[in-house]
Amino acid sequence: MAFAFTDANFKREVLEHDQLTVVDFWAEWCGPCRAIKPVVDELAKEFEGKVKVGKLDVDNNPEVSVNYGITSIPAILFIKGGQVVDKHVGAAPKSVLLKKIQAHM
C-alpha cells in the first residue's frame, strides 16, 4: 500500500530522502484520483525498498499542496534529492508512470 505523506512528515519522508519519491496529490471527492489509486498502490508494492511511493490528501494537508502550486488533481510529483525531477497532472495509465519512475531511479 502507498505511504501516507502529510504536512507534518513531508520534509522528513520526502525532501530529506535520497531515493526517488513519487507523491500522488489527491482528494477523496476526486473521481480521477480514485481511478488511479490502484495503480499507485501497485507501484508502491512493486518498487518497495527502491522507490518510495505515496499519497498526500490535499484537503487535509494544504501546506505542501500550496508550496508546490498544486491546483489540479491528481497531480503526481517525482522528487529526488529534495528537488522535483518530473511531474504528471491528471490520471495516467501505469505505463506512463512506470516510464517516469524508470527515467529517474
PDB file of N, CA and C in Angstrom:
ATOM      1  N   MET A   1       0.841  -1.189   0.000  1.00  0.00           N
ATOM      2  CA  MET A   1       0.000   0.000   0.000  1.00  0.00           C
ATOM      3  C   MET A   1       0.881   1.245   0.000  1.00  0.00           C
ATOM      4  N   ALA A   2       0.383   2.307  -0.599  1.00  0.00           N
ATOM      5  CA  ALA A   2       1.128   3.550  -0.722  1.00  0.00           C
ATOM      6  C   ALA A   2       1.318   4.211   0.646  1.00  0.00           C
ATOM      7  N   PHE A   3       2.454   4.875   0.810  1.00  0.00           N
ATOM      8  CA  PHE A   3       2.789   5.603   2.030  1.00  0.00           C
ATOM      9  C   PHE A   3       1.861   6.814   2.155  1.00  0.00           C
ATOM     10  N   ALA A   4       1.543   7.215   3.365  1.00  0.00           N
ATOM     11  CA  ALA A   4       0.701   8.395   3.590  1.00  0.00           C
ATOM     12  C   ALA A   4       1.578   9.588   3.956  1.00  0.00           C
ATOM     13  N   PHE A   5       1.747  10.494   3.000  1.00  0.00           N
ATOM     14  CA  PHE A   5       2.500  11.723   3.264  1.00  0.00           C
ATOM     15  C   PHE A   5       1.568  12.764   3.863  1.00  0.00           C
ATOM     16  N   THR A   6       2.122  13.612   4.737  1.00  0.00           N
ATOM     17  CA  THR A   6       1.353  14.682   5.381  1.00  0.00           C
ATOM     18  C   THR A   6       2.199  15.946   5.438  1.00  0.00           C
ATOM     19  N   ASP A   7       1.559  17.057   5.802  1.00  0.00           N
ATOM     20  CA  ASP A   7       2.317  18.289   6.025  1.00  0.00           C
ATOM     21  C   ASP A   7       3.403  18.054   7.083  1.00  0.00           C
ATOM     22  N   ALA A   8       3.071  17.258   8.093  1.00  0.00           N
ATOM     23  CA  ALA A   8       3.981  17.034   9.216  1.00  0.00           C
ATOM     24  C   ALA A   8       5.188  16.153   8.859  1.00  0.00           C
ATOM     25  N   ASN A   9       5.007  15.176   7.981  1.00  0.00           N
ATOM     26  CA  ASN A   9       6.119  14.257   7.704  1.00  0.00           C
ATOM     27  C   ASN A   9       6.782  14.481   6.344  1.00  0.00           C
ATOM     28  N   PHE A  10       6.310  15.433   5.555  1.00  0.00           N
ATOM     29  CA  PHE A  10       6.788  15.604   4.180  1.00  0.00           C
ATOM     30  C   PHE A  10       8.286  15.895   4.107  1.00  0.00           C
ATOM     31  N   LYS A  11       8.765  16.798   4.939  1.00  0.00           N
ATOM     32  CA  LYS A  11      10.184  17.150   4.907  1.00  0.00           C
ATOM     33  C   LYS A  11      11.046  15.921   5.197  1.00  0.00           C
ATOM     34  N   ARG A  12      10.717  15.204   6.253  1.00  0.00           N
ATOM     35  CA  ARG A  12      11.498  14.030   6.666  1.00  0.00           C
ATOM     36  C   ARG A  12      11.389  12.892   5.646  1.00  0.00           C
ATOM     37  N   GLU A  13      10.174  12.597   5.201  1.00  0.00           N
ATOM     38  CA  GLU A  13       9.944  11.421   4.353  1.00  0.00           C
ATOM     39  C   GLU A  13      10.209  11.640   2.871  1.00  0.00           C
ATOM     40  N   VAL A  14      10.176  12.897   2.432  1.00  0.00           N
ATOM     41  CA  VAL A  14      10.357  13.168   1.004  1.00  0.00           C
ATOM     42  C   VAL A  14      11.601  14.013   0.744  1.00  0.00           C
ATOM     43  N   LEU A  15      11.649  15.198   1.310  1.00  0.00           N
ATOM     44  CA  LEU A  15      12.728  16.135   0.990  1.00  0.00           C
ATOM     45  C   LEU A  15      14.087  15.688   1.509  1.00  0.00           C
ATOM     46  N   GLU A  16      14.124  15.004   2.647  1.00  0.00           N
ATOM     47  CA  GLU A  16      15.394  14.546   3.215  1.00  0.00           C
ATOM     48  C   GLU A  16      15.714  13.108   2.812  1.00  0.00           C
ATOM     49  N   HIS A  17      14.964  12.582   1.879  1.00  0.00           N
ATOM     50  CA  HIS A  17      15.108  11.200   1.425  1.00  0.00           C
ATOM     51  C   HIS A  17      15.894  11.214   0.114  1.00  0.00           C
ATOM     52  N   ASP A  18      16.969  10.431   0.022  1.00  0.00           N
ATOM     53  CA  ASP A  18      17.832  10.458  -1.164  1.00  0.00           C
ATOM     54  C   ASP A  18      17.245   9.773  -2.391  1.00  0.00           C
ATOM     55  N   GLN A  19      16.499   8.675  -2.172  1.00  0.00           N
ATOM     56  CA  GLN A  19      15.995   7.947  -3.325  1.00  0.00           C
ATOM     57  C   GLN A  19      14.773   8.647  -3.926  1.00  0.00           C
ATOM     58  N   LEU A  20      14.402   8.234  -5.116  1.00  0.00           N
ATOM     59  CA  LEU A  20      13.240   8.806  -5.798  1.00  0.00           C
ATOM     60  C   LEU A  20      11.987   8.579  -4.965  1.00  0.00           C
ATOM     61  N   THR A  21      11.181   9.630  -4.851  1.00  0.00           N
ATOM     62  CA  THR A  21       9.904   9.549  -4.144  1.00  0.00           C
ATOM     63  C   THR A  21       8.810  10.020  -5.087  1.00  0.00           C
ATOM     64  N   VAL A  22       7.741   9.247  -5.170  1.00  0.00           N
ATOM     65  CA  VAL A  22       6.598   9.572  -6.017  1.00  0.00           C
ATOM     66  C   VAL A  22       5.461   9.988  -5.092  1.00  0.00           C
ATOM     67  N   VAL A  23       4.970  11.219  -5.284  1.00  0.00           N
ATOM     68  CA  VAL A  23       3.919  11.760  -4.420  1.00  0.00           C
ATOM     69  C   VAL A  23       2.669  12.027  -5.253  1.00  0.00           C
ATOM     70  N   ASP A  24       1.609  11.309  -4.924  1.00  0.00           N
ATOM     71  CA  ASP A  24       0.321  11.476  -5.597  1.00  0.00           C
ATOM     72  C   ASP A  24      -0.534  12.424  -4.756  1.00  0.00           C
ATOM     73  N   PHE A  25      -0.779  13.623  -5.268  1.00  0.00           N
ATOM     74  CA  PHE A  25      -1.655  14.592  -4.605  1.00  0.00           C
ATOM     75  C   PHE A  25      -3.082  14.251  -5.011  1.00  0.00           C
ATOM     76  N   TRP A  26      -3.943  14.015  -4.034  1.00  0.00           N
ATOM     77  CA  TRP A  26      -5.291  13.514  -4.309  1.00  0.00           C
ATOM     78  C   TRP A  26      -6.281  14.056  -3.283  1.00  0.00           C
ATOM     79  N   ALA A  27      -7.558  13.764  -3.515  1.00  0.00           N
ATOM     80  CA  ALA A  27      -8.637  14.055  -2.556  1.00  0.00           C
ATOM     81  C   ALA A  27      -9.707  12.982  -2.705  1.00  0.00           C
ATOM     82  N   GLU A  28     -10.398  12.713  -1.624  1.00  0.00           N
ATOM     83  CA  GLU A  28     -11.430  11.673  -1.597  1.00  0.00           C
ATOM     84  C   GLU A  28     -12.536  11.925  -2.625  1.00  0.00           C
ATOM     85  N   TRP A  29     -12.899  13.191  -2.839  1.00  0.00           N
ATOM     86  CA  TRP A  29     -14.011  13.549  -3.727  1.00  0.00           C
ATOM     87  C   TRP A  29     -13.628  13.530  -5.208  1.00  0.00           C
ATOM     88  N   CYS A  30     -12.357  13.326  -5.511  1.00  0.00           N
ATOM     89  CA  CYS A  30     -11.840  13.402  -6.883  1.00  0.00           C
ATOM     90  C   CYS A  30     -11.948  12.046  -7.587  1.00  0.00           C
ATOM     91  N   GLY A  31     -12.820  11.955  -8.585  1.00  0.00           N
ATOM     92  CA  GLY A  31     -13.023  10.710  -9.329  1.00  0.00           C
ATOM     93  C   GLY A  31     -11.758  10.188  -9.996  1.00  0.00           C
ATOM     94  N   PRO A  32     -11.041  11.009 -10.771  1.00  0.00           N
ATOM     95  CA  PRO A  32      -9.806  10.526 -11.396  1.00  0.00           C
ATOM     96  C   PRO A  32      -8.759  10.084 -10.359  1.00  0.00           C
ATOM     97  N   CYS A  33      -8.758  10.723  -9.188  1.00  0.00           N
ATOM     98  CA  CYS A  33      -7.824  10.327  -8.118  1.00  0.00           C
ATOM     99  C   CYS A  33      -8.142   8.913  -7.645  1.00  0.00           C
ATOM    100  N   ARG A  34      -9.422   8.639  -7.478  1.00  0.00           N
ATOM    101  CA  ARG A  34      -9.830   7.299  -7.046  1.00  0.00           C
ATOM    102  C   ARG A  34      -9.531   6.270  -8.136  1.00  0.00           C
ATOM    103  N   ALA A  35      -9.638   6.694  -9.387  1.00  0.00           N
ATOM    104  CA  ALA A  35      -9.387   5.782 -10.507  1.00  0.00           C
ATOM    105  C   ALA A  35      -7.926   5.333 -10.559  1.00  0.00           C
ATOM    106  N   ILE A  36      -6.978   6.205 -10.201  1.00  0.00           N
ATOM    107  CA  ILE A  36      -5.568   5.814 -10.278  1.00  0.00           C
ATOM    108  C   ILE A  36      -5.029   5.249  -8.961  1.00  0.00           C
ATOM    109  N   LYS A  37      -5.852   5.235  -7.917  1.00  0.00           N
ATOM    110  CA  LYS A  37      -5.400   4.709  -6.623  1.00  0.00           C
ATOM    111  C   LYS A  37      -4.835   3.295  -6.735  1.00  0.00           C
ATOM    112  N   PRO A  38      -5.507   2.357  -7.442  1.00  0.00           N
ATOM    113  CA  PRO A  38      -4.940   1.004  -7.551  1.00  0.00           C
ATOM    114  C   PRO A  38      -3.571   0.988  -8.243  1.00  0.00           C
ATOM    115  N   VAL A  39      -3.383   1.869  -9.210  1.00  0.00           N
ATOM    116  CA  VAL A  39      -2.103   1.948  -9.920  1.00  0.00           C
ATOM    117  C   VAL A  39      -1.013   2.421  -8.959  1.00  0.00           C
ATOM    118  N   VAL A  40      -1.304   3.443  -8.178  1.00  0.00           N
ATOM    119  CA  VAL A  40      -0.336   3.968  -7.215  1.00  0.00           C
ATOM    120  C   VAL A  40       0.007   2.891  -6.187  1.00  0.00           C
ATOM    121  N   ASP A  41      -0.990   2.165  -5.714  1.00  0.00           N
ATOM    122  CA  ASP A  41      -0.749   1.086  -4.754  1.00  0.00           C
ATOM    123  C   ASP A  41       0.118  -0.027  -5.374  1.00  0.00           C
ATOM    124  N   GLU A  42      -0.133  -0.361  -6.632  1.00  0.00           N
ATOM    125  CA  GLU A  42       0.674  -1.375  -7.333  1.00  0.00           C
ATOM    126  C   GLU A  42       2.125  -0.928  -7.437  1.00  0.00           C
ATOM    127  N   LEU A  43       2.327   0.330  -7.806  1.00  0.00           N
ATOM    128  CA  LEU A  43       3.690   0.863  -7.933  1.00  0.00           C
ATOM    129  C   LEU A  43       4.408   0.845  -6.592  1.00  0.00           C
ATOM    130  N   ALA A  44       3.685   1.179  -5.515  1.00  0.00           N
ATOM    131  CA  ALA A  44       4.276   1.164  -4.175  1.00  0.00           C
ATOM    132  C   ALA A  44       4.768  -0.244  -3.832  1.00  0.00           C
ATOM    133  N   LYS A  45       3.980  -1.237  -4.187  1.00  0.00           N
ATOM    134  CA  LYS A  45       4.334  -2.624  -3.895  1.00  0.00           C
ATOM    135  C   LYS A  45       5.507  -3.082  -4.768  1.00  0.00           C
ATOM    136  N   GLU A  46       5.448  -2.771  -6.057  1.00  0.00           N
ATOM    137  CA  GLU A  46       6.479  -3.199  -6.999  1.00  0.00           C
ATOM    138  C   GLU A  46       7.845  -2.588  -6.710  1.00  0.00           C
ATOM    139  N   PHE A  47       7.863  -1.344  -6.259  1.00  0.00           N
ATOM    140  CA  PHE A  47       9.127  -0.638  -6.057  1.00  0.00           C
ATOM    141  C   PHE A  47       9.523  -0.526  -4.586  1.00  0.00           C
ATOM    142  N   GLU A  48       8.874  -1.289  -3.725  1.00  0.00           N
ATOM    143  CA  GLU A  48       9.167  -1.247  -2.302  1.00  0.00           C
ATOM    144  C   GLU A  48      10.669  -1.447  -2.059  1.00  0.00           C
ATOM    145  N   GLY A  49      11.254  -0.542  -1.277  1.00  0.00           N
ATOM    146  CA  GLY A  49      12.684  -0.611  -0.991  1.00  0.00           C
ATOM    147  C   GLY A  49      13.559   0.091  -2.009  1.00  0.00           C
ATOM    148  N   LYS A  50      12.990   0.445  -3.168  1.00  0.00           N
ATOM    149  CA  LYS A  50      13.761   1.116  -4.222  1.00  0.00           C
ATOM    150  C   LYS A  50      13.274   2.538  -4.474  1.00  0.00           C
ATOM    151  N   VAL A  51      11.958   2.704  -4.468  1.00  0.00           N
ATOM    152  CA  VAL A  51      11.321   3.996  -4.699  1.00  0.00           C
ATOM    153  C   VAL A  51      10.210   4.131  -3.659  1.00  0.00           C
ATOM    154  N   LYS A  52      10.152   5.277  -3.000  1.00  0.00           N
ATOM    155  CA  LYS A  52       9.071   5.494  -2.036  1.00  0.00           C
ATOM    156  C   LYS A  52       7.886   6.069  -2.810  1.00  0.00           C
ATOM    157  N   VAL A  53       6.751   5.393  -2.731  1.00  0.00           N
ATOM    158  CA  VAL A  53       5.544   5.817  -3.444  1.00  0.00           C
ATOM    159  C   VAL A  53       4.460   6.074  -2.406  1.00  0.00           C
ATOM    160  N   GLY A  54       3.844   7.258  -2.484  1.00  0.00           N
ATOM    161  CA  GLY A  54       2.809   7.572  -1.514  1.00  0.00           C
ATOM    162  C   GLY A  54       1.827   8.607  -2.002  1.00  0.00           C
ATOM    163  N   LYS A  55       0.880   8.900  -1.122  1.00  0.00           N
ATOM    164  CA  LYS A  55      -0.216   9.809  -1.452  1.00  0.00           C
ATOM    165  C   LYS A  55      -0.285  10.920  -0.416  1.00  0.00           C
ATOM    166  N   LEU A  56      -0.697  12.094  -0.860  1.00  0.00           N
ATOM    167  CA  LEU A  56      -0.895  13.224   0.034  1.00  0.00           C
ATOM    168  C   LEU A  56      -2.288  13.790  -0.213  1.00  0.00           C
ATOM    169  N   ASP A  57      -3.127  13.717   0.797  1.00  0.00           N
ATOM    170  CA  ASP A  57      -4.508  14.227   0.714  1.00  0.00           C
ATOM    171  C   ASP A  57      -4.460  15.758   0.775  1.00  0.00           C
ATOM    172  N   VAL A  58      -4.827  16.409  -0.331  1.00  0.00           N
ATOM    173  CA  VAL A  58      -4.719  17.877  -0.401  1.00  0.00           C
ATOM    174  C   VAL A  58      -5.678  18.589   0.550  1.00  0.00           C
ATOM    175  N   ASP A  59      -6.807  17.975   0.864  1.00  0.00           N
ATOM    176  CA  ASP A  59      -7.772  18.607   1.770  1.00  0.00           C
ATOM    177  C   ASP A  59      -7.251  18.644   3.207  1.00  0.00           C
ATOM    178  N   ASN A  60      -6.547  17.614   3.612  1.00  0.00           N
ATOM    179  CA  ASN A  60      -6.046  17.522   4.976  1.00  0.00           C
ATOM    180  C   ASN A  60      -4.617  18.034   5.140  1.00  0.00           C
ATOM    181  N   ASN A  61      -3.942  18.319   4.029  1.00  0.00           N
ATOM    182  CA  ASN A  61      -2.545  18.755   4.055  1.00  0.00           C
ATOM    183  C   ASN A  61      -2.324  19.907   3.072  1.00  0.00           C
ATOM    184  N   PRO A  62      -2.922  21.055   3.366  1.00  0.00           N
ATOM    185  CA  PRO A  62      -2.863  22.169   2.411  1.00  0.00           C
ATOM    186  C   PRO A  62      -1.485  22.820   2.279  1.00  0.00           C
ATOM    187  N   GLU A  63      -0.654  22.733   3.295  1.00  0.00           N
ATOM    188  CA  GLU A  63       0.637  23.421   3.275  1.00  0.00           C
ATOM    189  C   GLU A  63       1.531  22.929   2.134  1.00  0.00           C
ATOM    190  N   VAL A  64       1.723  21.622   2.041  1.00  0.00           N
ATOM    191  CA  VAL A  64       2.576  21.061   0.989  1.00  0.00           C
ATOM    192  C   VAL A  64       1.960  21.332  -0.386  1.00  0.00           C
ATOM    193  N   SER A  65       0.654  21.183  -0.485  1.00  0.00           N
ATOM    194  CA  SER A  65      -0.038  21.417  -1.755  1.00  0.00           C
ATOM    195  C   SER A  65       0.184  22.842  -2.253  1.00  0.00           C
ATOM    196  N   VAL A  66       0.076  23.812  -1.366  1.00  0.00           N
ATOM    197  CA  VAL A  66       0.286  25.219  -1.728  1.00  0.00           C
ATOM    198  C   VAL A  66       1.749  25.454  -2.097  1.00  0.00           C
ATOM    199  N   ASN A  67       2.672  24.889  -1.321  1.00  0.00           N
ATOM    200  CA  ASN A  67       4.104  25.070  -1.587  1.00  0.00           C
ATOM    201  C   ASN A  67       4.504  24.591  -2.978  1.00  0.00           C
ATOM    202  N   TYR A  68       3.839  23.576  -3.473  1.00  0.00           N
ATOM    203  CA  TYR A  68       4.164  23.025  -4.792  1.00  0.00           C
ATOM    204  C   TYR A  68       3.211  23.505  -5.885  1.00  0.00           C
ATOM    205  N   GLY A  69       2.339  24.447  -5.557  1.00  0.00           N
ATOM    206  CA  GLY A  69       1.457  25.032  -6.564  1.00  0.00           C
ATOM    207  C   GLY A  69       0.477  24.040  -7.165  1.00  0.00           C
ATOM    208  N   ILE A  70       0.022  23.095  -6.361  1.00  0.00           N
ATOM    209  CA  ILE A  70      -0.918  22.087  -6.861  1.00  0.00           C
ATOM    210  C   ILE A  70      -2.302  22.724  -6.995  1.00  0.00           C
ATOM    211  N   THR A  71      -2.771  22.861  -8.229  1.00  0.00           N
ATOM    212  CA  THR A  71      -4.084  23.460  -8.478  1.00  0.00           C
ATOM    213  C   THR A  71      -5.046  22.478  -9.146  1.00  0.00           C
ATOM    214  N   SER A  72      -4.513  21.391  -9.679  1.00  0.00           N
ATOM    215  CA  SER A  72      -5.333  20.349 -10.300  1.00  0.00           C
ATOM    216  C   SER A  72      -4.887  19.001  -9.758  1.00  0.00           C
ATOM    217  N   ILE A  73      -5.857  18.145  -9.501  1.00  0.00           N
ATOM    218  CA  ILE A  73      -5.528  16.802  -9.029  1.00  0.00           C
ATOM    219  C   ILE A  73      -6.258  15.771  -9.885  1.00  0.00           C
ATOM    220  N   PRO A  74      -5.734  14.574 -10.003  1.00  0.00           N
ATOM    221  CA  PRO A  74      -4.496  14.134  -9.398  1.00  0.00           C
ATOM    222  C   PRO A  74      -3.280  14.806 -10.035  1.00  0.00           C
ATOM    223  N   ALA A  75      -2.300  15.080  -9.205  1.00  0.00           N
ATOM    224  CA  ALA A  75      -1.007  15.593  -9.655  1.00  0.00           C
ATOM    225  C   ALA A  75       0.042  14.693  -9.008  1.00  0.00           C
ATOM    226  N   ILE A  76       0.960  14.224  -9.803  1.00  0.00           N
ATOM    227  CA  ILE A  76       1.982  13.321  -9.296  1.00  0.00           C
ATOM    228  C   ILE A  76       3.339  13.976  -9.495  1.00  0.00           C
ATOM    229  N   LEU A  77       4.043  14.181  -8.376  1.00  0.00           N
ATOM    230  CA  LEU A  77       5.383  14.745  -8.425  1.00  0.00           C
ATOM    231  C   LEU A  77       6.394  13.640  -8.199  1.00  0.00           C
ATOM    232  N   PHE A  78       7.491  13.711  -8.933  1.00  0.00           N
ATOM    233  CA  PHE A  78       8.605  12.783  -8.798  1.00  0.00           C
ATOM    234  C   PHE A  78       9.741  13.611  -8.204  1.00  0.00           C
ATOM    235  N   ILE A  79      10.110  13.295  -6.965  1.00  0.00           N
ATOM    236  CA  ILE A  79      11.062  14.107  -6.215  1.00  0.00           C
ATOM    237  C   ILE A  79      12.276  13.259  -5.865  1.00  0.00           C
ATOM    238  N   LYS A  80      13.453  13.822  -6.126  1.00  0.00           N
ATOM    239  CA  LYS A  80      14.701  13.118  -5.804  1.00  0.00           C
ATOM    240  C   LYS A  80      15.684  14.146  -5.265  1.00  0.00           C
ATOM    241  N   GLY A  81      16.306  13.829  -4.139  1.00  0.00           N
ATOM    242  CA  GLY A  81      17.262  14.753  -3.541  1.00  0.00           C
ATOM    243  C   GLY A  81      16.638  16.081  -3.167  1.00  0.00           C
ATOM    244  N   GLY A  82      15.354  16.069  -2.824  1.00  0.00           N
ATOM    245  CA  GLY A  82      14.659  17.284  -2.419  1.00  0.00           C
ATOM    246  C   GLY A  82      14.173  18.161  -3.559  1.00  0.00           C
ATOM    247  N   GLN A  83      14.394  17.719  -4.801  1.00  0.00           N
ATOM    248  CA  GLN A  83      14.008  18.511  -5.975  1.00  0.00           C
ATOM    249  C   GLN A  83      12.984  17.760  -6.832  1.00  0.00           C
ATOM    250  N   VAL A  84      12.039  18.496  -7.397  1.00  0.00           N
ATOM    251  CA  VAL A  84      11.080  17.896  -8.327  1.00  0.00           C
ATOM    252  C   VAL A  84      11.821  17.622  -9.636  1.00  0.00           C
ATOM    253  N   VAL A  85      11.856  16.350 -10.047  1.00  0.00           N
ATOM    254  CA  VAL A  85      12.554  15.972 -11.276  1.00  0.00           C
ATOM    255  C   VAL A  85      11.584  15.673 -12.418  1.00  0.00           C
ATOM    256  N   ASP A  86      10.304  15.498 -12.076  1.00  0.00           N
ATOM    257  CA  ASP A  86       9.293  15.247 -13.099  1.00  0.00           C
ATOM    258  C   ASP A  86       7.921  15.455 -12.471  1.00  0.00           C
ATOM    259  N   LYS A  87       6.902  15.582 -13.334  1.00  0.00           N
ATOM    260  CA  LYS A  87       5.542  15.845 -12.847  1.00  0.00           C
ATOM    261  C   LYS A  87       4.548  15.305 -13.864  1.00  0.00           C
ATOM    262  N   HIS A  88       3.409  14.855 -13.368  1.00  0.00           N
ATOM    263  CA  HIS A  88       2.318  14.453 -14.252  1.00  0.00           C
ATOM    264  C   HIS A  88       1.013  14.945 -13.625  1.00  0.00           C
ATOM    265  N   VAL A  89       0.200  15.640 -14.397  1.00  0.00           N
ATOM    266  CA  VAL A  89      -1.088  16.121 -13.903  1.00  0.00           C
ATOM    267  C   VAL A  89      -2.190  15.373 -14.639  1.00  0.00           C
ATOM    268  N   GLY A  90      -3.151  14.849 -13.869  1.00  0.00           N
ATOM    269  CA  GLY A  90      -4.261  14.097 -14.445  1.00  0.00           C
ATOM    270  C   GLY A  90      -4.041  12.607 -14.277  1.00  0.00           C
ATOM    271  N   ALA A  91      -5.088  11.859 -14.529  1.00  0.00           N
ATOM    272  CA  ALA A  91      -4.993  10.404 -14.447  1.00  0.00           C
ATOM    273  C   ALA A  91      -4.069   9.905 -15.549  1.00  0.00           C
ATOM    274  N   ALA A  92      -3.350   8.820 -15.249  1.00  0.00           N
ATOM    275  CA  ALA A  92      -2.415   8.281 -16.231  1.00  0.00           C
ATOM    276  C   ALA A  92      -2.402   6.763 -16.126  1.00  0.00           C
ATOM    277  N   PRO A  93      -2.178   6.097 -17.252  1.00  0.00           N
ATOM    278  CA  PRO A  93      -2.029   4.644 -17.180  1.00  0.00           C
ATOM    279  C   PRO A  93      -0.711   4.304 -16.484  1.00  0.00           C
ATOM    280  N   LYS A  94      -0.642   3.107 -15.975  1.00  0.00           N
ATOM    281  CA  LYS A  94       0.545   2.656 -15.251  1.00  0.00           C
ATOM    282  C   LYS A  94       1.808   2.799 -16.107  1.00  0.00           C
ATOM    283  N   SER A  95       1.708   2.520 -17.390  1.00  0.00           N
ATOM    284  CA  SER A  95       2.884   2.567 -18.275  1.00  0.00           C
ATOM    285  C   SER A  95       3.536   3.954 -18.292  1.00  0.00           C
ATOM    286  N   VAL A  96       2.739   5.002 -18.243  1.00  0.00           N
ATOM    287  CA  VAL A  96       3.271   6.374 -18.250  1.00  0.00           C
ATOM    288  C   VAL A  96       4.051   6.639 -16.965  1.00  0.00           C
ATOM    289  N   LEU A  97       3.471   6.246 -15.833  1.00  0.00           N
ATOM    290  CA  LEU A  97       4.134   6.468 -14.548  1.00  0.00           C
ATOM    291  C   LEU A  97       5.387   5.598 -14.421  1.00  0.00           C
ATOM    292  N   LEU A  98       5.325   4.380 -14.933  1.00  0.00           N
ATOM    293  CA  LEU A  98       6.496   3.494 -14.915  1.00  0.00           C
ATOM    294  C   LEU A  98       7.675   4.106 -15.667  1.00  0.00           C
ATOM    295  N   LYS A  99       7.416   4.668 -16.838  1.00  0.00           N
ATOM    296  CA  LYS A  99       8.479   5.293 -17.635  1.00  0.00           C
ATOM    297  C   LYS A  99       9.129   6.435 -16.870  1.00  0.00           C
ATOM    298  N   LYS A 100       8.311   7.239 -16.184  1.00  0.00           N
ATOM    299  CA  LYS A 100       8.853   8.358 -15.425  1.00  0.00           C
ATOM    300  C   LYS A 100       9.678   7.861 -14.242  1.00  0.00           C
ATOM    301  N   ILE A 101       9.216   6.835 -13.580  1.00  0.00           N
ATOM    302  CA  ILE A 101       9.969   6.279 -12.447  1.00  0.00           C
ATOM    303  C   ILE A 101      11.296   5.722 -12.945  1.00  0.00           C
ATOM    304  N   GLN A 102      11.270   4.931 -13.995  1.00  0.00           N
ATOM    305  CA  GLN A 102      12.486   4.314 -14.505  1.00  0.00           C
ATOM    306  C   GLN A 102      13.484   5.345 -15.006  1.00  0.00           C
ATOM    307  N   ALA A 103      13.007   6.471 -15.521  1.00  0.00           N
ATOM    308  CA  ALA A 103      13.890   7.525 -16.013  1.00  0.00           C
ATOM    309  C   ALA A 103      14.647   8.221 -14.885  1.00  0.00           C
ATOM    310  N   HIS A 104      14.136   8.158 -13.664  1.00  0.00           N
ATOM    311  CA  HIS A 104      14.737   8.922 -12.561  1.00  0.00           C
ATOM    312  C   HIS A 104      15.256   8.081 -11.405  1.00  0.00           C
ATOM    313  N   MET A 105      15.235   6.771 -11.533  1.00  0.00           N
ATOM    314  CA  MET A 105      15.702   5.909 -10.430  1.00  0.00           C
ATOM    315  C   MET A 105      17.188   6.055 -10.179  1.00  0.00           C
TER     316      MET A 105
END
